[in-house]
Amino acid sequence: IQEDMLAEIRTVESEAAAFFDQISRYFITRGKIVTKVTKYPHVEDFRVTVEELDEKEYVSLKLVMCEIRNHYSTLHDIIMKNLEKIKKPR
């Protein structure tokens, strides 16, 4: 039981790290595009690209939050069902 729980926790932890990397990549990409917007203010495509990137990230963050909620619900369920086995292992 403890090994299964530890494996699940590690899975959630690695996915959370991937989510944080995704957010960092978004801000780096957005910064590069905003730099182009300030450098070429007359080019409308750069402004549209920023808006589209923001919309894409919004949808992505909604999905990530749902996944995080599901992971935490699963972890809570596993822990609560096996609380006695965790407190008093063999």
PDB file of N, CA and C in Angstrom:
ATOM      1  N   ILE A   1       0.836  -1.192   0.000  1.00  0.00           N
ATOM      2  CA  ILE A   1       0.000   0.000   0.000  1.00  0.00           C
ATOM      3  C   ILE A   1       0.877   1.250   0.000  1.00  0.00           C
ATOM      4  N   GLN A   2       1.871   1.278   0.883  1.00  0.00           N
ATOM      5  CA  GLN A   2       2.718   2.469   0.981  1.00  0.00           C
ATOM      6  C   GLN A   2       3.487   2.712  -0.316  1.00  0.00           C
ATOM      7  N   GLU A   3       3.949   1.636  -0.944  1.00  0.00           N
ATOM      8  CA  GLU A   3       4.688   1.783  -2.192  1.00  0.00           C
ATOM      9  C   GLU A   3       3.779   2.307  -3.301  1.00  0.00           C
ATOM     10  N   ASP A   4       2.540   1.822  -3.331  1.00  0.00           N
ATOM     11  CA  ASP A   4       1.582   2.303  -4.331  1.00  0.00           C
ATOM     12  C   ASP A   4       1.289   3.786  -4.130  1.00  0.00           C
ATOM     13  N   MET A   5       1.124   4.172  -2.874  1.00  0.00           N
ATOM     14  CA  MET A   5       0.855   5.579  -2.581  1.00  0.00           C
ATOM     15  C   MET A   5       2.048   6.448  -2.948  1.00  0.00           C
ATOM     16  N   LEU A   6       3.227   5.975  -2.631  1.00  0.00           N
ATOM     17  CA  LEU A   6       4.431   6.735  -2.955  1.00  0.00           C
ATOM     18  C   LEU A   6       4.581   6.888  -4.468  1.00  0.00           C
ATOM     19  N   ALA A   7       4.262   5.838  -5.207  1.00  0.00           N
ATOM     20  CA  ALA A   7       4.323   5.917  -6.666  1.00  0.00           C
ATOM     21  C   ALA A   7       3.319   6.942  -7.198  1.00  0.00           C
ATOM     22  N   GLU A   8       2.125   6.948  -6.638  1.00  0.00           N
ATOM     23  CA  GLU A   8       1.104   7.916  -7.054  1.00  0.00           C
ATOM     24  C   GLU A   8       1.542   9.342  -6.723  1.00  0.00           C
ATOM     25  N   ILE A   9       2.109   9.533  -5.554  1.00  0.00           N
ATOM     26  CA  ILE A   9       2.584  10.862  -5.158  1.00  0.00           C
ATOM     27  C   ILE A   9       3.699  11.331  -6.086  1.00  0.00           C
ATOM     28  N   ARG A  10       4.596  10.436  -6.444  1.00  0.00           N
ATOM     29  CA  ARG A  10       5.683  10.809  -7.357  1.00  0.00           C
ATOM     30  C   ARG A  10       5.140  11.181  -8.738  1.00  0.00           C
ATOM     31  N   THR A  11       4.126  10.461  -9.183  1.00  0.00           N
ATOM     32  CA  THR A  11       3.508  10.780 -10.470  1.00  0.00           C
ATOM     33  C   THR A  11       2.903  12.175 -10.443  1.00  0.00           C
ATOM     34  N   VAL A  12       2.163  12.465  -9.386  1.00  0.00           N
ATOM     35  CA  VAL A  12       1.543  13.789  -9.252  1.00  0.00           C
ATOM     36  C   VAL A  12       2.613  14.869  -9.182  1.00  0.00           C
ATOM     37  N   GLU A  13       3.676  14.593  -8.450  1.00  0.00           N
ATOM     38  CA  GLU A  13       4.752  15.572  -8.309  1.00  0.00           C
ATOM     39  C   GLU A  13       5.428  15.860  -9.649  1.00  0.00           C
ATOM     40  N   SER A  14       5.678  14.824 -10.441  1.00  0.00           N
ATOM     41  CA  SER A  14       6.329  15.041 -11.736  1.00  0.00           C
ATOM     42  C   SER A  14       5.413  15.799 -12.695  1.00  0.00           C
ATOM     43  N   GLU A  15       4.112  15.509 -12.644  1.00  0.00           N
ATOM     44  CA  GLU A  15       3.180  16.249 -13.493  1.00  0.00           C
ATOM     45  C   GLU A  15       3.081  17.707 -13.053  1.00  0.00           C
ATOM     46  N   ALA A  16       3.125  17.958 -11.760  1.00  0.00           N
ATOM     47  CA  ALA A  16       3.084  19.338 -11.264  1.00  0.00           C
ATOM     48  C   ALA A  16       4.321  20.106 -11.737  1.00  0.00           C
ATOM     49  N   ALA A  17       5.467  19.445 -11.735  1.00  0.00           N
ATOM     50  CA  ALA A  17       6.691  20.090 -12.221  1.00  0.00           C
ATOM     51  C   ALA A  17       6.560  20.429 -13.704  1.00  0.00           C
ATOM     52  N   ALA A  18       5.934  19.539 -14.461  1.00  0.00           N
ATOM     53  CA  ALA A  18       5.719  19.803 -15.886  1.00  0.00           C
ATOM     54  C   ALA A  18       4.788  21.001 -16.078  1.00  0.00           C
ATOM     55  N   PHE A  19       3.782  21.130 -15.220  1.00  0.00           N
ATOM     56  CA  PHE A  19       2.874  22.273 -15.302  1.00  0.00           C
ATOM     57  C   PHE A  19       3.625  23.575 -15.040  1.00  0.00           C
ATOM     58  N   PHE A  20       4.512  23.563 -14.063  1.00  0.00           N
ATOM     59  CA  PHE A  20       5.291  24.766 -13.760  1.00  0.00           C
ATOM     60  C   PHE A  20       6.205  25.131 -14.931  1.00  0.00           C
ATOM     61  N   ASP A  21       6.790  24.116 -15.573  1.00  0.00           N
ATOM     62  CA  ASP A  21       7.625  24.377 -16.745  1.00  0.00           C
ATOM     63  C   ASP A  21       6.804  24.998 -17.869  1.00  0.00           C
ATOM     64  N   GLN A  22       5.579  24.513 -18.026  1.00  0.00           N
ATOM     65  CA  GLN A  22       4.695  25.035 -19.068  1.00  0.00           C
ATOM     66  C   GLN A  22       4.417  26.518 -18.843  1.00  0.00           C
ATOM     67  N   ILE A  23       4.164  26.903 -17.614  1.00  0.00           N
ATOM     68  CA  ILE A  23       3.890  28.304 -17.305  1.00  0.00           C
ATOM     69  C   ILE A  23       5.125  29.163 -17.595  1.00  0.00           C
ATOM     70  N   SER A  24       6.297  28.659 -17.247  1.00  0.00           N
ATOM     71  CA  SER A  24       7.533  29.402 -17.517  1.00  0.00           C
ATOM     72  C   SER A  24       7.732  29.602 -19.018  1.00  0.00           C
ATOM     73  N   ARG A  25       7.499  28.531 -19.791  1.00  0.00           N
ATOM     74  CA  ARG A  25       7.643  28.643 -21.245  1.00  0.00           C
ATOM     75  C   ARG A  25       6.656  29.658 -21.815  1.00  0.00           C
ATOM     76  N   TYR A  26       5.451  29.689 -21.268  1.00  0.00           N
ATOM     77  CA  TYR A  26       4.443  30.658 -21.727  1.00  0.00           C
ATOM     78  C   TYR A  26       4.939  32.085 -21.530  1.00  0.00           C
ATOM     79  N   PHE A  27       5.450  32.384 -20.344  1.00  0.00           N
ATOM     80  CA  PHE A  27       5.892  33.754 -20.080  1.00  0.00           C
ATOM     81  C   PHE A  27       7.105  34.136 -20.925  1.00  0.00           C
ATOM     82  N   ILE A  28       7.992  33.192 -21.172  1.00  0.00           N
ATOM     83  CA  ILE A  28       9.146  33.478 -22.034  1.00  0.00           C
ATOM     84  C   ILE A  28       8.674  33.780 -23.453  1.00  0.00           C
ATOM     85  N   THR A  29       7.777  32.940 -23.966  1.00  0.00           N
ATOM     86  CA  THR A  29       7.251  33.141 -25.318  1.00  0.00           C
ATOM     87  C   THR A  29       6.494  34.457 -25.417  1.00  0.00           C
ATOM     88  N   ARG A  30       5.672  34.735 -24.424  1.00  0.00           N
ATOM     89  CA  ARG A  30       4.883  35.971 -24.429  1.00  0.00           C
ATOM     90  C   ARG A  30       5.807  37.189 -24.389  1.00  0.00           C
ATOM     91  N   GLY A  31       6.864  37.109 -23.601  1.00  0.00           N
ATOM     92  CA  GLY A  31       7.812  38.217 -23.529  1.00  0.00           C
ATOM     93  C   GLY A  31       8.473  38.494 -24.866  1.00  0.00           C
ATOM     94  N   LYS A  32       8.826  37.433 -25.587  1.00  0.00           N
ATOM     95  CA  LYS A  32       9.447  37.613 -26.904  1.00  0.00           C
ATOM     96  C   LYS A  32       8.484  38.281 -27.881  1.00  0.00           C
ATOM     97  N   ILE A  33       7.222  37.852 -27.837  1.00  0.00           N
ATOM     98  CA  ILE A  33       6.237  38.429 -28.759  1.00  0.00           C
ATOM     99  C   ILE A  33       5.938  39.879 -28.390  1.00  0.00           C
ATOM    100  N   VAL A  34       5.817  40.167 -27.100  1.00  0.00           N
ATOM    101  CA  VAL A  34       5.554  41.547 -26.671  1.00  0.00           C
ATOM    102  C   VAL A  34       6.722  42.453 -27.059  1.00  0.00           C
ATOM    103  N   THR A  35       7.931  41.930 -27.012  1.00  0.00           N
ATOM    104  CA  THR A  35       9.094  42.702 -27.461  1.00  0.00           C
ATOM    105  C   THR A  35       8.946  43.076 -28.931  1.00  0.00           C
ATOM    106  N   LYS A  36       8.471  42.122 -29.735  1.00  0.00           N
ATOM    107  CA  LYS A  36       8.257  42.415 -31.154  1.00  0.00           C
ATOM    108  C   LYS A  36       7.140  43.435 -31.343  1.00  0.00           C
ATOM    109  N   VAL A  37       6.111  43.357 -30.493  1.00  0.00           N
ATOM    110  CA  VAL A  37       5.016  44.330 -30.578  1.00  0.00           C
ATOM    111  C   VAL A  37       5.544  45.737 -30.306  1.00  0.00           C
ATOM    112  N   THR A  38       6.395  45.878 -29.300  1.00  0.00           N
ATOM    113  CA  THR A  38       6.927  47.212 -28.986  1.00  0.00           C
ATOM    114  C   THR A  38       7.922  47.682 -30.048  1.00  0.00           C
ATOM    115  N   LYS A  39       8.633  46.734 -30.655  1.00  0.00           N
ATOM    116  CA  LYS A  39       9.609  47.093 -31.684  1.00  0.00           C
ATOM    117  C   LYS A  39       8.919  47.456 -33.005  1.00  0.00           C
ATOM    118  N   TYR A  40       7.844  46.735 -33.308  1.00  0.00           N
ATOM    119  CA  TYR A  40       7.088  46.970 -34.546  1.00  0.00           C
ATOM    120  C   TYR A  40       5.617  47.231 -34.207  1.00  0.00           C
ATOM    121  N   PRO A  41       5.297  48.397 -33.672  1.00  0.00           N
ATOM    122  CA  PRO A  41       3.921  48.657 -33.225  1.00  0.00           C
ATOM    123  C   PRO A  41       2.895  48.711 -34.357  1.00  0.00           C
ATOM    124  N   HIS A  42       3.347  48.898 -35.578  1.00  0.00           N
ATOM    125  CA  HIS A  42       2.434  49.000 -36.715  1.00  0.00           C
ATOM    126  C   HIS A  42       2.012  47.627 -37.261  1.00  0.00           C
ATOM    127  N   VAL A  43       2.669  46.554 -36.838  1.00  0.00           N
ATOM    128  CA  VAL A  43       2.343  45.210 -37.326  1.00  0.00           C
ATOM    129  C   VAL A  43       1.271  44.602 -36.419  1.00  0.00           C
ATOM    130  N   GLU A  44       0.080  44.447 -36.972  1.00  0.00           N
ATOM    131  CA  GLU A  44      -1.063  43.952 -36.200  1.00  0.00           C
ATOM    132  C   GLU A  44      -0.938  42.459 -35.877  1.00  0.00           C
ATOM    133  N   ASP A  45      -0.226  41.717 -36.715  1.00  0.00           N
ATOM    134  CA  ASP A  45      -0.100  40.271 -36.500  1.00  0.00           C
ATOM    135  C   ASP A  45       0.534  39.938 -35.151  1.00  0.00           C
ATOM    136  N   PHE A  46       1.483  40.730 -34.714  1.00  0.00           N
ATOM    137  CA  PHE A  46       2.122  40.468 -33.422  1.00  0.00           C
ATOM    138  C   PHE A  46       1.137  40.652 -32.276  1.00  0.00           C
ATOM    139  N   ARG A  47       0.288  41.668 -32.386  1.00  0.00           N
ATOM    140  CA  ARG A  47      -0.729  41.894 -31.341  1.00  0.00           C
ATOM    141  C   ARG A  47      -1.732  40.744 -31.304  1.00  0.00           C
ATOM    142  N   VAL A  48      -2.136  40.303 -32.475  1.00  0.00           N
ATOM    143  CA  VAL A  48      -3.080  39.183 -32.556  1.00  0.00           C
ATOM    144  C   VAL A  48      -2.434  37.916 -31.994  1.00  0.00           C
ATOM    145  N   THR A  49      -1.158  37.742 -32.264  1.00  0.00           N
ATOM    146  CA  THR A  49      -0.447  36.571 -31.748  1.00  0.00           C
ATOM    147  C   THR A  49      -0.433  36.563 -30.227  1.00  0.00           C
ATOM    148  N   VAL A  50      -0.236  37.723 -29.616  1.00  0.00           N
ATOM    149  CA  VAL A  50      -0.255  37.811 -28.144  1.00  0.00           C
ATOM    150  C   VAL A  50      -1.633  37.422 -27.619  1.00  0.00           C
ATOM    151  N   GLU A  51      -2.677  37.933 -28.241  1.00  0.00           N
ATOM    152  CA  GLU A  51      -4.039  37.605 -27.804  1.00  0.00           C
ATOM    153  C   GLU A  51      -4.317  36.110 -27.935  1.00  0.00           C
ATOM    154  N   GLU A  52      -3.914  35.528 -29.064  1.00  0.00           N
ATOM    155  CA  GLU A  52      -4.147  34.100 -29.278  1.00  0.00           C
ATOM    156  C   GLU A  52      -3.348  33.251 -28.290  1.00  0.00           C
ATOM    157  N   LEU A  53      -2.121  33.668 -28.024  1.00  0.00           N
ATOM    158  CA  LEU A  53      -1.300  32.945 -27.053  1.00  0.00           C
ATOM    159  C   LEU A  53      -1.929  33.000 -25.667  1.00  0.00           C
ATOM    160  N   ASP A  54      -2.446  34.173 -25.290  1.00  0.00           N
ATOM    161  CA  ASP A  54      -3.101  34.316 -23.990  1.00  0.00           C
ATOM    162  C   ASP A  54      -4.350  33.437 -23.893  1.00  0.00           C
ATOM    163  N   GLU A  55      -5.134  33.405 -24.962  1.00  0.00           N
ATOM    164  CA  GLU A  55      -6.337  32.569 -24.962  1.00  0.00           C
ATOM    165  C   GLU A  55      -5.976  31.091 -24.861  1.00  0.00           C
ATOM    166  N   LYS A  56      -4.952  30.699 -25.599  1.00  0.00           N
ATOM    167  CA  LYS A  56      -4.505  29.301 -25.561  1.00  0.00           C
ATOM    168  C   LYS A  56      -4.038  28.929 -24.154  1.00  0.00           C
ATOM    169  N   GLU A  57      -3.291  29.815 -23.532  1.00  0.00           N
ATOM    170  CA  GLU A  57      -2.784  29.538 -22.182  1.00  0.00           C
ATOM    171  C   GLU A  57      -3.921  29.489 -21.170  1.00  0.00           C
ATOM    172  N   TYR A  58      -4.927  30.329 -21.346  1.00  0.00           N
ATOM    173  CA  TYR A  58      -6.090  30.312 -20.451  1.00  0.00           C
ATOM    174  C   TYR A  58      -6.780  28.951 -20.491  1.00  0.00           C
ATOM    175  N   VAL A  59      -7.018  28.451 -21.691  1.00  0.00           N
ATOM    176  CA  VAL A  59      -7.659  27.138 -21.835  1.00  0.00           C
ATOM    177  C   VAL A  59      -6.769  26.054 -21.237  1.00  0.00           C
ATOM    178  N   SER A  60      -5.483  26.150 -21.503  1.00  0.00           N
ATOM    179  CA  SER A  60      -4.540  25.170 -20.969  1.00  0.00           C
ATOM    180  C   SER A  60      -4.530  25.185 -19.444  1.00  0.00           C
ATOM    181  N   LEU A  61      -4.541  26.375 -18.850  1.00  0.00           N
ATOM    182  CA  LEU A  61      -4.538  26.480 -17.386  1.00  0.00           C
ATOM    183  C   LEU A  61      -5.821  25.927 -16.774  1.00  0.00           C
ATOM    184  N   LYS A  62      -6.942  26.113 -17.462  1.00  0.00           N
ATOM    185  CA  LYS A  62      -8.193  25.528 -16.975  1.00  0.00           C
ATOM    186  C   LYS A  62      -8.082  24.005 -16.919  1.00  0.00           C
ATOM    187  N   LEU A  63      -7.518  23.423 -17.972  1.00  0.00           N
ATOM    188  CA  LEU A  63      -7.346  21.970 -18.002  1.00  0.00           C
ATOM    189  C   LEU A  63      -6.367  21.503 -16.931  1.00  0.00           C
ATOM    190  N   VAL A  64      -5.293  22.248 -16.761  1.00  0.00           N
ATOM    191  CA  VAL A  64      -4.299  21.902 -15.743  1.00  0.00           C
ATOM    192  C   VAL A  64      -4.926  21.936 -14.356  1.00  0.00           C
ATOM    193  N   MET A  65      -5.720  22.957 -14.082  1.00  0.00           N
ATOM    194  CA  MET A  65      -6.367  23.056 -12.768  1.00  0.00           C
ATOM    195  C   MET A  65      -7.323  21.889 -12.533  1.00  0.00           C
ATOM    196  N   CYS A  66      -8.026  21.469 -13.567  1.00  0.00           N
ATOM    197  CA  CYS A  66      -8.905  20.297 -13.433  1.00  0.00           C
ATOM    198  C   CYS A  66      -8.089  19.043 -13.145  1.00  0.00           C
ATOM    199  N   GLU A  67      -6.962  18.899 -13.826  1.00  0.00           N
ATOM    200  CA  GLU A  67      -6.104  17.738 -13.585  1.00  0.00           C
ATOM    201  C   GLU A  67      -5.538  17.761 -12.172  1.00  0.00           C
ATOM    202  N   ILE A  68      -5.101  18.918 -11.719  1.00  0.00           N
ATOM    203  CA  ILE A  68      -4.570  19.030 -10.356  1.00  0.00           C
ATOM    204  C   ILE A  68      -5.643  18.676  -9.340  1.00  0.00           C
ATOM    205  N   ARG A  69      -6.849  19.191  -9.546  1.00  0.00           N
ATOM    206  CA  ARG A  69      -7.966  18.870  -8.648  1.00  0.00           C
ATOM    207  C   ARG A  69      -8.206  17.358  -8.614  1.00  0.00           C
ATOM    208  N   ASN A  70      -8.200  16.735  -9.792  1.00  0.00           N
ATOM    209  CA  ASN A  70      -8.429  15.291  -9.849  1.00  0.00           C
ATOM    210  C   ASN A  70      -7.320  14.517  -9.145  1.00  0.00           C
ATOM    211  N   HIS A  71      -6.082  14.957  -9.336  1.00  0.00           N
ATOM    212  CA  HIS A  71      -4.967  14.278  -8.669  1.00  0.00           C
ATOM    213  C   HIS A  71      -5.076  14.395  -7.151  1.00  0.00           C
ATOM    214  N   TYR A  72      -5.373  15.588  -6.673  1.00  0.00           N
ATOM    215  CA  TYR A  72      -5.484  15.766  -5.226  1.00  0.00           C
ATOM    216  C   TYR A  72      -6.666  14.994  -4.659  1.00  0.00           C
ATOM    217  N   SER A  73      -7.748  14.907  -5.405  1.00  0.00           N
ATOM    218  CA  SER A  73      -8.891  14.109  -4.950  1.00  0.00           C
ATOM    219  C   SER A  73      -8.514  12.638  -4.858  1.00  0.00           C
ATOM    220  N   THR A  74      -7.791  12.165  -5.852  1.00  0.00           N
ATOM    221  CA  THR A  74      -7.347  10.771  -5.846  1.00  0.00           C
ATOM    222  C   THR A  74      -6.406  10.507  -4.677  1.00  0.00           C
ATOM    223  N   LEU A  75      -5.435  11.404  -4.481  1.00  0.00           N
ATOM    224  CA  LEU A  75      -4.505  11.232  -3.363  1.00  0.00           C
ATOM    225  C   LEU A  75      -5.235  11.257  -2.025  1.00  0.00           C
ATOM    226  N   HIS A  76      -6.161  12.168  -1.864  1.00  0.00           N
ATOM    227  CA  HIS A  76      -6.926  12.253  -0.620  1.00  0.00           C
ATOM    228  C   HIS A  76      -7.705  10.964  -0.394  1.00  0.00           C
ATOM    229  N   ASP A  77      -8.327  10.462  -1.438  1.00  0.00           N
ATOM    230  CA  ASP A  77      -9.104   9.234  -1.335  1.00  0.00           C
ATOM    231  C   ASP A  77      -8.217   8.052  -0.936  1.00  0.00           C
ATOM    232  N   ILE A  78      -7.089   7.917  -1.591  1.00  0.00           N
ATOM    233  CA  ILE A  78      -6.173   6.809  -1.284  1.00  0.00           C
ATOM    234  C   ILE A  78      -5.672   6.909   0.153  1.00  0.00           C
ATOM    235  N   ILE A  79      -5.293   8.099   0.559  1.00  0.00           N
ATOM    236  CA  ILE A  79      -4.761   8.283   1.915  1.00  0.00           C
ATOM    237  C   ILE A  79      -5.828   7.999   2.959  1.00  0.00           C
ATOM    238  N   MET A  80      -7.020   8.523   2.760  1.00  0.00           N
ATOM    239  CA  MET A  80      -8.082   8.328   3.758  1.00  0.00           C
ATOM    240  C   MET A  80      -8.501   6.862   3.861  1.00  0.00           C
ATOM    241  N   LYS A  81      -8.527   6.158   2.745  1.00  0.00           N
ATOM    242  CA  LYS A  81      -8.921   4.749   2.765  1.00  0.00           C
ATOM    243  C   LYS A  81      -7.863   3.871   3.427  1.00  0.00           C
ATOM    244  N   ASN A  82      -6.632   4.310   3.399  1.00  0.00           N
ATOM    245  CA  ASN A  82      -5.537   3.491   3.921  1.00  0.00           C
ATOM    246  C   ASN A  82      -4.827   4.146   5.100  1.00  0.00           C
ATOM    247  N   LEU A  83      -5.502   5.015   5.797  1.00  0.00           N
ATOM    248  CA  LEU A  83      -4.878   5.775   6.872  1.00  0.00           C
ATOM    249  C   LEU A  83      -4.320   4.871   7.969  1.00  0.00           C
ATOM    250  N   GLU A  84      -5.062   3.868   8.357  1.00  0.00           N
ATOM    251  CA  GLU A  84      -4.590   2.964   9.418  1.00  0.00           C
ATOM    252  C   GLU A  84      -3.352   2.189   8.979  1.00  0.00           C
ATOM    253  N   LYS A  85      -3.333   1.754   7.732  1.00  0.00           N
ATOM    254  CA  LYS A  85      -2.168   1.021   7.231  1.00  0.00           C
ATOM    255  C   LYS A  85      -0.943   1.924   7.140  1.00  0.00           C
ATOM    256  N   ILE A  86      -1.173   3.194   6.905  1.00  0.00           N
ATOM    257  CA  ILE A  86      -0.062   4.140   6.840  1.00  0.00           C
ATOM    258  C   ILE A  86       0.488   4.405   8.238  1.00  0.00           C
ATOM    259  N   LYS A  87      -0.416   4.565   9.194  1.00  0.00           N
ATOM    260  CA  LYS A  87       0.006   4.846  10.568  1.00  0.00           C
ATOM    261  C   LYS A  87       0.697   3.650  11.208  1.00  0.00           C
ATOM    262  N   LYS A  88       0.189   2.450  10.912  1.00  0.00           N
ATOM    263  CA  LYS A  88       0.739   1.235  11.524  1.00  0.00           C
ATOM    264  C   LYS A  88       1.117   0.231  10.440  1.00  0.00           C
ATOM    265  N   PRO A  89       2.273   0.430   9.814  1.00  0.00           N
ATOM    266  CA  PRO A  89       2.696  -0.531   8.787  1.00  0.00           C
ATOM    267  C   PRO A  89       3.135  -1.843   9.428  1.00  0.00           C
ATOM    268  N   ARG A  90       3.177  -2.875   8.649  1.00  0.00           N
ATOM    269  CA  ARG A  90       3.570  -4.195   9.169  1.00  0.00           C
ATOM    270  C   ARG A  90       5.038  -4.278   9.446  1.00  0.00           C
TER     271      ARG A  90
END
